[in-house]
Amino acid sequence: MPITFKLPERLVGFFTGVQDGNMAEVLTRELIPPTAYERTQHRLEQFQRTVFVHIPGLPNPANIGTLLVTINHDLEGTAYLGRELKVVGMATAPGRAVEEGDPVYLQDMKGLRSVDLGVEVPATSGVILVMAHEWRRSLFYDLGPLDVTAPKRTFPLGEVLAQQFLMLLDLVSPDATAKQVGRKRLDEMATGLQRLRKLLKDQVTAESEYQELLEAHPWMLGGEYKAIHRHRPLDDKRIPDFTGVRASDECRDVIEIKQPFLKLFKSDGTFGSNFNDAWNQACGYYAFVREWRDYLNREKGLRFEAPRCRLLIGHSLDAEQRRAFTSRALQAAHMGLMSYDQLLAQAEHLLELMSSAGERLIDGETRMTKSVKKSTDENSAKKRAAKKSPSRQTARKAAKKKVTKKKVTKKKVTKKKVTKKKVTKKKVTKKKVTKKKVTKKKSAKRSERIRSKESGKKSPPR
């Protein structure tokens, strides 16, 4: 039977490293392959102290093969052991004709695309899955949905579990899995960009269409936000389109968007009522979150530190209208003003950077392999040539001997110079001694003169 439990504290991840005084990196999701035994063991011990210890009647870890744990937002959870899971996999058909009831071989599992555990795992719940096969263990967890600032899980859980299952059976490498996930992420970004182009081309005026697009693809706003949350009320009257969670400090900005095809300018080139109303609304949101930030943090769980407000509005602006946008944005440093033309250009640039980075990585690996092969071929050719022409080899050895002799000679010369310097120093010392002796003789002669004067005798000539 499934085991229900409740956690005393909210677990949202594990620290991976401190960046500076008050900032630290937190890992909320991880797929650990069976080859990373020490890391798997370390994480399981952490889960034992934070989660598993609160599950009553859970068997000894040594007796657990497969374990699924789901945790809801209210911290109530359920644990399922392997015998309680009805695992069903969806795979592409193998290259042979198959019928119902035909045996499935290990190589057929390479076409596995998705895994269903037979248990509902909501996108708003955290999940921990330990899978075992013979002596191998793999661990996957996603605690992101338990974070009050994080959105629900957006990636297909079944596909990730399929990758975990394939790694456990040693049918796919962890590197191949990472590359596959990276390519899939790029495909998702390209799909989002294509949708934005289509909305603008079809001149769609429904603001909700653009809200849904940005909620699914917050990277279009420049990668500054790790998540944006739609329609989080500040109070009963003020409900902005989005609040964006900054990746740098986990604090929020206000993001207000309007549909692209509003008429923003009068015939004389000044801003019209549509623009002024949107601008004033955004400024009102900024003033509120700045003044009531303690209340919003305490009562709503929304952190606003040094907030900014961004307004997305306007499309197909001419040069004069773009200058008017820039001039208005410069009047308030806390306000950001962006048109849909700029949003599209920014999204295209970011996708191009991400795509080219992925291509360079793959090409770089290919080039490295080719260069290693080339250098190996060159070395083998040189060796063959050396064997065929022993005279050249002898000449090289002779040249090396000459170089060695020259080096030795230089060293000997250097030693002689050092000896000369030492001799010179000794001579100098002798001179000093001589001077001392001379001074002693002079003082003796002076004393004799003084005695002769006293005795009335003449001093001897010099």
Protein backbone atom coordinates (compact mmCIF):
# COMPACT_ATOMS: atom_id res chain seq x y z
CA MET A 1 0.00 0.00 0.00
CA PRO A 2 1.19 3.56 -0.67
CA ILE A 3 2.53 5.35 2.42
CA THR A 4 1.32 8.88 3.17
CA PHE A 5 3.39 11.33 5.17
CA LYS A 6 3.95 15.05 5.83
CA LEU A 7 7.24 16.93 5.86
CA PRO A 8 7.97 19.40 8.69
CA GLU A 9 9.92 21.73 6.37
CA ARG A 10 9.84 22.68 2.69
CA LEU A 11 12.74 21.18 0.74
CA VAL A 12 13.40 22.97 -2.56
CA GLY A 13 16.92 21.82 -3.48
CA PHE A 14 20.56 21.56 -2.46
CA PHE A 15 23.32 24.18 -2.31
CA THR A 16 26.02 23.64 -4.89
CA GLY A 17 28.33 26.61 -4.18
CA VAL A 18 28.46 30.10 -2.72
CA GLN A 19 29.02 32.91 -5.25
CA ASP A 20 29.54 35.85 -2.89
CA GLY A 21 28.59 37.00 0.59
CA ASN A 22 24.81 36.54 0.35
CA MET A 23 24.28 34.61 -2.90
CA ALA A 24 24.42 30.85 -3.41
CA GLU A 25 23.56 28.42 -6.20
CA VAL A 26 20.72 25.97 -5.55
CA LEU A 27 20.18 22.74 -7.49
CA THR A 28 16.47 21.90 -7.72
CA ARG A 29 16.48 19.19 -10.39
CA GLU A 30 18.97 16.45 -11.26
CA LEU A 31 19.18 13.21 -13.24
CA ILE A 32 22.10 11.16 -11.90
CA PRO A 33 23.26 8.20 -14.03
CA PRO A 34 24.16 4.86 -12.44
CA THR A 35 27.81 5.40 -13.35
CA ALA A 36 28.01 8.32 -10.86
CA TYR A 37 27.82 6.00 -7.87
CA GLU A 38 29.28 8.37 -5.26
CA ARG A 39 27.02 11.26 -6.25
CA THR A 40 23.96 8.99 -6.21
CA GLN A 41 24.90 7.70 -2.76
CA HIS A 42 25.49 11.23 -1.44
CA ARG A 43 22.10 12.48 -2.67
CA LEU A 44 20.28 9.43 -1.29
CA GLU A 45 21.85 10.05 2.12
CA GLN A 46 20.67 13.67 1.96
CA PHE A 47 17.14 12.54 1.09
CA GLN A 48 17.29 10.01 3.94
CA ARG A 49 17.88 12.85 6.43
CA THR A 50 15.37 15.30 4.93
CA VAL A 51 12.54 13.19 3.42
CA PHE A 52 12.77 9.42 3.86
CA VAL A 53 13.13 9.61 7.65
CA HIS A 54 9.63 11.17 7.82
CA ILE A 55 7.98 8.29 5.88
CA PRO A 56 6.57 5.84 8.46
CA GLY A 57 7.13 2.15 7.79
CA LEU A 58 9.55 2.69 4.91
CA PRO A 59 11.73 -0.43 4.54
CA ASN A 60 15.44 -0.42 5.12
CA PRO A 61 17.22 1.37 2.21
CA ALA A 62 19.15 -1.82 1.42
CA ASN A 63 15.83 -3.56 0.70
CA ILE A 64 14.46 -0.82 -1.59
CA GLY A 65 14.81 -1.34 -5.33
CA THR A 66 12.47 1.19 -6.92
CA LEU A 67 10.91 4.05 -4.93
CA LEU A 68 8.66 6.91 -6.07
CA VAL A 69 7.95 9.85 -3.74
CA THR A 70 5.59 12.71 -4.62
CA ILE A 71 5.32 15.85 -2.47
CA ASN A 72 2.47 18.35 -2.76
CA HIS A 73 2.59 22.10 -2.10
CA ASP A 74 1.06 21.59 1.36
CA LEU A 75 4.06 19.29 2.14
CA GLU A 76 1.88 16.19 2.24
CA GLY A 77 3.32 13.35 0.21
CA THR A 78 2.97 9.74 -0.86
CA ALA A 79 5.62 7.03 -1.22
CA TYR A 80 5.23 4.09 -3.62
CA LEU A 81 7.45 1.03 -3.62
CA GLY A 82 8.35 -0.83 -6.81
CA ARG A 83 5.65 -3.49 -6.53
CA GLU A 84 2.96 -0.76 -6.35
CA LEU A 85 4.02 0.85 -9.65
CA LYS A 86 2.65 -0.34 -12.97
CA VAL A 87 5.32 0.86 -15.37
CA VAL A 88 4.25 1.21 -19.00
CA GLY A 89 6.67 2.36 -21.70
CA MET A 90 5.91 3.90 -25.07
CA ALA A 91 8.49 3.10 -27.74
CA THR A 92 8.87 3.30 -31.48
CA ALA A 93 8.34 -0.04 -33.19
CA PRO A 94 11.54 -2.00 -33.97
CA GLY A 95 12.68 -2.58 -37.53
CA ARG A 96 10.82 -5.89 -37.77
CA ALA A 97 7.14 -6.76 -38.00
CA VAL A 98 5.62 -7.18 -34.54
CA GLU A 99 2.30 -8.37 -33.25
CA GLU A 100 0.59 -8.29 -29.89
CA GLY A 101 2.18 -10.77 -27.51
CA ASP A 102 5.57 -10.88 -29.31
CA PRO A 103 8.61 -10.89 -27.01
CA VAL A 104 10.45 -7.62 -26.40
CA TYR A 105 14.23 -7.85 -26.42
CA LEU A 106 16.69 -5.54 -24.71
CA GLN A 107 17.75 -3.90 -27.98
CA ASP A 108 14.10 -3.09 -28.69
CA MET A 109 14.14 -0.78 -25.66
CA LYS A 110 16.41 1.69 -27.49
CA GLY A 111 13.26 3.10 -29.07
CA LEU A 112 11.78 3.96 -25.65
CA ARG A 113 10.31 7.49 -25.77
CA SER A 114 8.17 7.82 -22.64
CA VAL A 115 7.51 6.02 -19.36
CA ASP A 116 4.29 6.06 -17.34
CA LEU A 117 4.59 4.84 -13.74
CA GLY A 118 0.88 4.17 -13.39
CA VAL A 119 0.64 6.91 -10.74
CA GLU A 120 -0.48 10.48 -11.32
CA VAL A 121 2.34 12.95 -10.66
CA PRO A 122 0.93 16.52 -10.89
CA ALA A 123 3.08 19.21 -12.49
CA THR A 124 2.76 21.21 -9.25
CA SER A 125 4.27 18.41 -7.10
CA GLY A 126 7.86 17.60 -6.31
CA VAL A 127 9.05 14.14 -7.32
CA ILE A 128 11.85 11.76 -6.27
CA LEU A 129 12.40 8.53 -8.20
CA VAL A 130 14.97 5.87 -7.36
CA MET A 131 15.25 3.12 -9.99
CA ALA A 132 17.32 -0.05 -9.67
CA HIS A 133 18.41 -2.78 -12.06
CA GLU A 134 20.59 -5.57 -10.74
CA TRP A 135 23.43 -3.71 -8.91
CA ARG A 136 22.89 -0.40 -10.67
CA ARG A 137 20.91 2.56 -9.29
CA SER A 138 19.82 5.82 -10.85
CA LEU A 139 18.23 8.84 -9.17
CA PHE A 140 16.01 11.58 -10.56
CA TYR A 141 14.41 14.38 -8.55
CA ASP A 142 12.62 17.63 -9.29
CA LEU A 143 11.90 19.86 -6.28
CA GLY A 144 11.36 23.03 -8.31
CA PRO A 145 7.54 23.01 -8.04
CA LEU A 146 7.81 23.15 -4.21
CA ASP A 147 9.45 26.58 -4.42
CA VAL A 148 6.79 29.24 -3.88
CA THR A 149 8.50 31.47 -6.46
CA ALA A 150 8.87 28.77 -9.12
CA PRO A 151 6.29 27.83 -11.75
CA LYS A 152 4.89 24.37 -12.25
CA ARG A 153 6.88 21.73 -14.09
CA THR A 154 6.88 22.51 -17.82
CA PHE A 155 8.94 19.64 -19.25
CA PRO A 156 7.36 16.21 -20.02
CA LEU A 157 8.15 14.01 -17.03
CA GLY A 158 7.58 10.76 -18.97
CA GLU A 159 10.40 11.55 -21.42
CA VAL A 160 12.89 12.22 -18.62
CA LEU A 161 11.93 8.96 -16.93
CA ALA A 162 12.50 7.15 -20.23
CA GLN A 163 16.04 8.57 -20.35
CA GLN A 164 16.62 7.44 -16.76
CA PHE A 165 15.40 3.94 -17.65
CA LEU A 166 17.67 3.74 -20.73
CA MET A 167 20.72 4.87 -18.72
CA LEU A 168 19.92 2.24 -16.12
CA LEU A 169 19.91 -0.46 -18.83
CA ASP A 170 23.14 1.02 -20.28
CA LEU A 171 21.42 1.66 -23.62
CA VAL A 172 22.29 5.38 -23.78
CA SER A 173 25.18 7.39 -22.36
CA PRO A 174 24.66 10.38 -20.01
CA ASP A 175 26.45 12.64 -22.53
CA ALA A 176 24.06 11.63 -25.30
CA THR A 177 21.13 12.34 -22.98
CA ALA A 178 22.46 15.81 -22.17
CA LYS A 179 22.93 16.63 -25.87
CA GLN A 180 19.46 15.36 -26.67
CA VAL A 181 17.96 17.57 -23.94
CA GLY A 182 19.96 20.56 -25.20
CA ARG A 183 18.74 20.11 -28.78
CA LYS A 184 15.18 19.71 -27.58
CA ARG A 185 15.47 22.96 -25.62
CA LEU A 186 16.67 24.77 -28.73
CA ASP A 187 13.75 23.34 -30.70
CA GLU A 188 11.34 24.65 -28.05
CA MET A 189 12.91 28.11 -28.24
CA ALA A 190 12.67 28.09 -32.04
CA THR A 191 8.99 27.11 -31.80
CA GLY A 192 8.32 30.03 -29.43
CA LEU A 193 10.08 32.47 -31.74
CA GLN A 194 8.10 31.19 -34.72
CA ARG A 195 4.88 31.70 -32.78
CA LEU A 196 5.82 35.31 -31.95
CA ARG A 197 6.51 36.01 -35.63
CA LYS A 198 3.15 34.53 -36.60
CA LEU A 199 1.23 36.57 -34.00
CA LEU A 200 2.81 39.78 -35.28
CA LYS A 201 2.38 38.84 -38.93
CA ASP A 202 -1.32 38.01 -38.43
CA GLN A 203 -1.73 41.24 -36.37
CA VAL A 204 -3.34 39.40 -33.48
CA THR A 205 -4.72 41.97 -31.04
CA ALA A 206 -5.63 39.62 -28.14
CA GLU A 207 -3.30 40.53 -25.27
CA SER A 208 -3.78 37.10 -23.67
CA GLU A 209 -2.02 35.43 -26.64
CA TYR A 210 1.16 37.39 -25.92
CA GLN A 211 0.84 36.77 -22.18
CA GLU A 212 0.70 33.00 -22.73
CA LEU A 213 3.68 33.17 -25.09
CA LEU A 214 5.90 35.05 -22.65
CA GLU A 215 4.84 32.87 -19.74
CA ALA A 216 6.07 29.82 -21.66
CA HIS A 217 9.19 31.59 -23.03
CA PRO A 218 10.50 34.12 -20.46
CA TRP A 219 13.95 33.92 -22.15
CA MET A 220 12.60 36.31 -24.81
CA LEU A 221 12.83 39.12 -22.27
CA GLY A 222 16.60 38.77 -22.29
CA GLY A 223 17.34 35.87 -19.98
CA GLU A 224 17.23 38.16 -16.94
CA TYR A 225 14.35 36.25 -15.38
CA LYS A 226 14.35 32.59 -14.42
CA ALA A 227 10.54 32.66 -14.24
CA ILE A 228 7.68 35.06 -14.76
CA HIS A 229 4.37 34.66 -12.95
CA ARG A 230 1.16 35.78 -14.49
CA HIS A 231 -1.47 37.87 -12.70
CA ARG A 232 -0.03 37.79 -9.16
CA PRO A 233 -2.19 40.37 -7.30
CA LEU A 234 -0.40 43.08 -5.35
CA ASP A 235 -3.71 43.99 -3.66
CA ASP A 236 -7.40 43.87 -4.58
CA LYS A 237 -7.06 46.54 -7.28
CA ARG A 238 -3.51 46.20 -8.61
CA ILE A 239 -2.90 43.04 -10.66
CA PRO A 240 0.00 43.43 -13.14
CA ASP A 241 0.34 41.15 -16.13
CA PHE A 242 3.54 39.58 -14.78
CA THR A 243 6.02 39.71 -11.95
CA GLY A 244 9.41 38.43 -13.07
CA VAL A 245 11.77 36.60 -10.69
CA ARG A 246 15.30 37.84 -11.39
CA ALA A 247 17.89 35.09 -11.75
CA SER A 248 20.56 37.21 -10.04
CA ASP A 249 18.93 37.78 -6.63
CA GLU A 250 15.48 36.07 -6.59
CA CYS A 251 13.76 39.47 -6.28
CA ARG A 252 10.96 40.62 -8.56
CA ASP A 253 10.25 43.23 -11.21
CA VAL A 254 6.87 44.26 -12.58
CA ILE A 255 6.21 43.53 -16.26
CA GLU A 256 3.20 45.09 -17.96
CA ILE A 257 2.39 44.33 -21.60
CA LYS A 258 -0.12 45.71 -24.08
CA GLN A 259 -1.13 44.32 -27.42
CA PRO A 260 1.26 45.50 -30.19
CA PHE A 261 -1.18 47.27 -32.49
CA LEU A 262 -2.48 50.08 -30.29
CA LYS A 263 -2.29 53.57 -31.76
CA LEU A 264 0.36 55.27 -29.64
CA PHE A 265 1.04 58.62 -31.35
CA LYS A 266 -1.03 61.62 -32.37
CA SER A 267 -0.76 63.20 -35.79
CA ASP A 268 1.75 65.76 -34.46
CA GLY A 269 4.11 62.98 -33.29
CA THR A 270 3.41 63.27 -29.56
CA PHE A 271 2.24 60.38 -27.40
CA GLY A 272 -1.48 59.63 -27.50
CA SER A 273 -3.85 58.53 -24.75
CA ASN A 274 -3.22 54.79 -25.27
CA PHE A 275 0.46 55.19 -24.51
CA ASN A 276 -0.04 57.63 -21.65
CA ASP A 277 -2.59 55.37 -19.95
CA ALA A 278 -0.26 52.35 -20.19
CA TRP A 279 2.73 54.39 -18.97
CA ASN A 280 0.85 55.79 -15.99
CA GLN A 281 -0.45 52.35 -15.06
CA ALA A 282 3.08 50.91 -15.08
CA CYS A 283 4.41 53.84 -13.04
CA GLY A 284 1.61 53.26 -10.52
CA TYR A 285 2.65 49.62 -10.11
CA TYR A 286 6.26 50.69 -9.55
CA ALA A 287 5.31 53.27 -6.91
CA PHE A 288 3.17 50.72 -5.06
CA VAL A 289 5.77 47.91 -4.89
CA ARG A 290 8.43 50.39 -3.80
CA GLU A 291 6.33 51.89 -1.01
CA TRP A 292 4.76 48.61 0.22
CA ARG A 293 7.63 46.18 -0.31
CA ASP A 294 7.70 45.07 3.38
CA TYR A 295 3.98 44.29 3.27
CA LEU A 296 4.29 42.42 -0.04
CA ASN A 297 7.18 40.33 1.29
CA ARG A 298 5.49 39.57 4.63
CA GLU A 299 1.91 38.98 3.49
CA LYS A 300 2.23 37.92 -0.16
CA GLY A 301 5.65 36.29 -0.25
CA LEU A 302 6.72 38.68 -3.06
CA ARG A 303 10.21 40.18 -2.66
CA PHE A 304 10.77 43.56 -4.32
CA GLU A 305 14.30 44.93 -3.77
CA ALA A 306 15.39 47.79 -6.06
CA PRO A 307 12.50 46.92 -8.38
CA ARG A 308 12.04 48.03 -11.97
CA CYS A 309 8.92 48.12 -14.09
CA ARG A 310 9.04 47.10 -17.77
CA LEU A 311 6.42 48.11 -20.29
CA LEU A 312 6.09 46.16 -23.56
CA ILE A 313 4.06 48.07 -26.12
CA GLY A 314 4.06 49.17 -29.78
CA HIS A 315 5.08 47.63 -33.11
CA SER A 316 6.46 48.79 -36.47
CA LEU A 317 7.74 52.11 -35.10
CA ASP A 318 9.53 54.53 -37.40
CA ALA A 319 12.76 56.34 -36.55
CA GLU A 320 11.05 59.37 -34.93
CA GLN A 321 8.81 57.17 -32.81
CA ARG A 322 11.79 55.08 -31.67
CA ARG A 323 13.58 58.26 -30.60
CA ALA A 324 10.49 59.31 -28.65
CA PHE A 325 10.51 55.89 -26.91
CA THR A 326 14.17 56.28 -25.97
CA SER A 327 13.65 59.83 -24.71
CA ARG A 328 10.73 58.78 -22.50
CA ALA A 329 12.63 55.78 -21.08
CA LEU A 330 15.58 58.02 -20.14
CA GLN A 331 13.30 60.21 -18.04
CA ALA A 332 12.84 57.41 -15.47
CA ALA A 333 15.72 55.06 -14.70
CA HIS A 334 13.43 52.62 -12.92
CA MET A 335 11.21 52.20 -16.00
CA GLY A 336 12.01 49.98 -18.96
CA LEU A 337 10.31 50.60 -22.30
CA MET A 338 10.41 48.01 -25.08
CA SER A 339 8.56 47.63 -28.36
CA TYR A 340 7.63 44.31 -29.97
CA ASP A 341 10.18 45.06 -32.71
CA GLN A 342 12.89 45.09 -30.03
CA LEU A 343 11.46 41.97 -28.38
CA LEU A 344 11.56 40.08 -31.69
CA ALA A 345 15.13 41.23 -32.50
CA GLN A 346 16.30 40.29 -29.01
CA ALA A 347 14.70 36.84 -29.16
CA GLU A 348 16.24 36.16 -32.60
CA HIS A 349 19.68 37.18 -31.33
CA LEU A 350 19.47 34.99 -28.22
CA LEU A 351 18.34 31.95 -30.21
CA GLU A 352 21.16 32.50 -32.73
CA LEU A 353 23.72 32.65 -29.90
CA MET A 354 22.39 29.49 -28.28
CA SER A 355 22.26 27.61 -31.58
CA SER A 356 25.75 28.65 -32.69
CA ALA A 357 27.17 27.72 -29.26
CA GLY A 358 25.73 24.21 -29.63
CA GLU A 359 27.05 23.87 -33.18
CA ARG A 360 30.53 25.07 -32.17
CA LEU A 361 30.63 22.46 -29.42
CA ILE A 362 29.82 19.62 -31.82
CA ASP A 363 32.13 20.95 -34.57
CA GLY A 364 34.91 21.48 -32.04
CA GLU A 365 34.76 17.85 -30.97
CA THR A 366 34.85 16.74 -34.62
CA ARG A 367 37.78 19.02 -35.43
CA MET A 368 39.69 17.81 -32.39
CA THR A 369 39.27 14.20 -33.45
CA LYS A 370 40.42 14.98 -37.00
CA SER A 371 43.49 16.91 -35.85
CA VAL A 372 44.53 14.08 -33.53
CA LYS A 373 44.23 11.59 -36.40
CA LYS A 374 46.18 13.89 -38.71
CA SER A 375 49.02 14.37 -36.24
CA THR A 376 49.13 10.61 -35.65
CA ASP A 377 49.44 10.01 -39.39
CA GLU A 378 52.22 12.60 -39.65
CA ASN A 379 54.17 11.02 -36.80
CA SER A 380 53.91 7.56 -38.32
CA ALA A 381 55.07 8.94 -41.71
CA LYS A 382 58.07 10.59 -40.06
CA LYS A 383 58.98 7.35 -38.32
CA ARG A 384 58.82 5.43 -41.58
CA ALA A 385 61.00 8.03 -43.30
CA ALA A 386 63.53 7.88 -40.47
CA LYS A 387 63.81 4.12 -40.81
CA LYS A 388 64.40 4.37 -44.56
CA SER A 389 67.17 7.03 -44.25
CA PRO A 390 69.57 6.11 -41.41
CA SER A 391 72.08 8.76 -42.59
CA ARG A 392 69.66 11.53 -41.65
CA GLN A 393 69.08 9.95 -38.28
CA THR A 394 72.88 9.82 -37.69
CA ALA A 395 73.20 13.48 -38.73
CA ARG A 396 70.51 14.46 -36.22
CA LYS A 397 72.32 12.62 -33.43
CA ALA A 398 75.59 14.35 -34.34
CA ALA A 399 73.90 17.73 -34.34
CA LYS A 400 72.46 17.02 -30.89
CA LYS A 401 75.96 16.12 -29.60
CA LYS A 402 77.40 19.39 -30.92
CA VAL A 403 74.70 21.39 -29.25
CA THR A 404 75.41 19.56 -25.97
CA LYS A 405 79.15 20.30 -26.20
CA LYS A 406 78.55 23.97 -26.82
CA LYS A 407 76.31 24.19 -23.83
CA VAL A 408 78.91 22.53 -21.60
CA THR A 409 81.64 24.94 -22.83
CA LYS A 410 79.50 27.91 -21.97
CA LYS A 411 79.01 26.61 -18.49
CA LYS A 412 82.79 26.19 -17.97
CA VAL A 413 83.49 29.74 -19.13
CA THR A 414 80.93 31.03 -16.73
CA LYS A 415 82.62 29.19 -13.87
CA LYS A 416 86.02 30.76 -14.77
CA LYS A 417 84.56 34.21 -14.70
CA VAL A 418 83.20 33.56 -11.25
CA THR A 419 86.65 32.42 -10.08
CA LYS A 420 88.29 35.59 -11.38
CA LYS A 421 85.85 37.71 -9.48
CA LYS A 422 86.69 35.84 -6.28
CA VAL A 423 90.43 36.36 -6.84
CA THR A 424 89.90 40.08 -7.38
CA LYS A 425 88.05 40.28 -4.11
CA LYS A 426 91.00 38.64 -2.31
CA LYS A 427 93.44 41.14 -3.80
CA VAL A 428 91.30 43.99 -2.64
CA THR A 429 91.37 42.56 0.86
CA LYS A 430 95.15 42.33 0.79
CA LYS A 431 95.42 45.95 -0.23
CA LYS A 432 93.32 46.91 2.70
CA VAL A 433 95.60 44.96 5.01
CA THR A 434 98.67 46.72 3.53
CA LYS A 435 97.13 50.08 4.14
CA LYS A 436 96.58 49.19 7.75
CA LYS A 437 100.26 48.21 8.12
CA VAL A 438 101.42 51.51 6.56
CA THR A 439 99.32 53.48 8.97
CA LYS A 440 100.87 51.59 11.87
CA LYS A 441 104.44 52.48 10.66
CA LYS A 442 103.56 56.15 10.29
CA SER A 443 102.19 56.29 13.81
CA ALA A 444 105.41 54.64 15.12
CA LYS A 445 107.65 57.24 13.39
CA ARG A 446 105.58 60.08 14.81
CA SER A 447 105.96 58.73 18.34
CA GLU A 448 109.77 58.49 17.85
CA ARG A 449 109.93 62.13 16.74
CA ILE A 450 107.95 63.20 19.75
CA ARG A 451 110.35 61.30 22.08
CA SER A 452 113.44 62.81 20.38
CA LYS A 453 112.10 66.33 20.75
CA GLU A 454 111.50 65.72 24.37
CA SER A 455 115.01 64.34 24.79
CA GLY A 456 116.60 67.16 22.63
CA LYS A 457 117.82 64.78 19.93
CA LYS A 458 117.21 65.45 16.25
CA SER A 459 114.93 63.18 14.48
CA PRO A 460 116.51 61.10 11.77
CA PRO A 461 115.95 62.24 8.17
CA ARG A 462 113.19 60.57 6.20
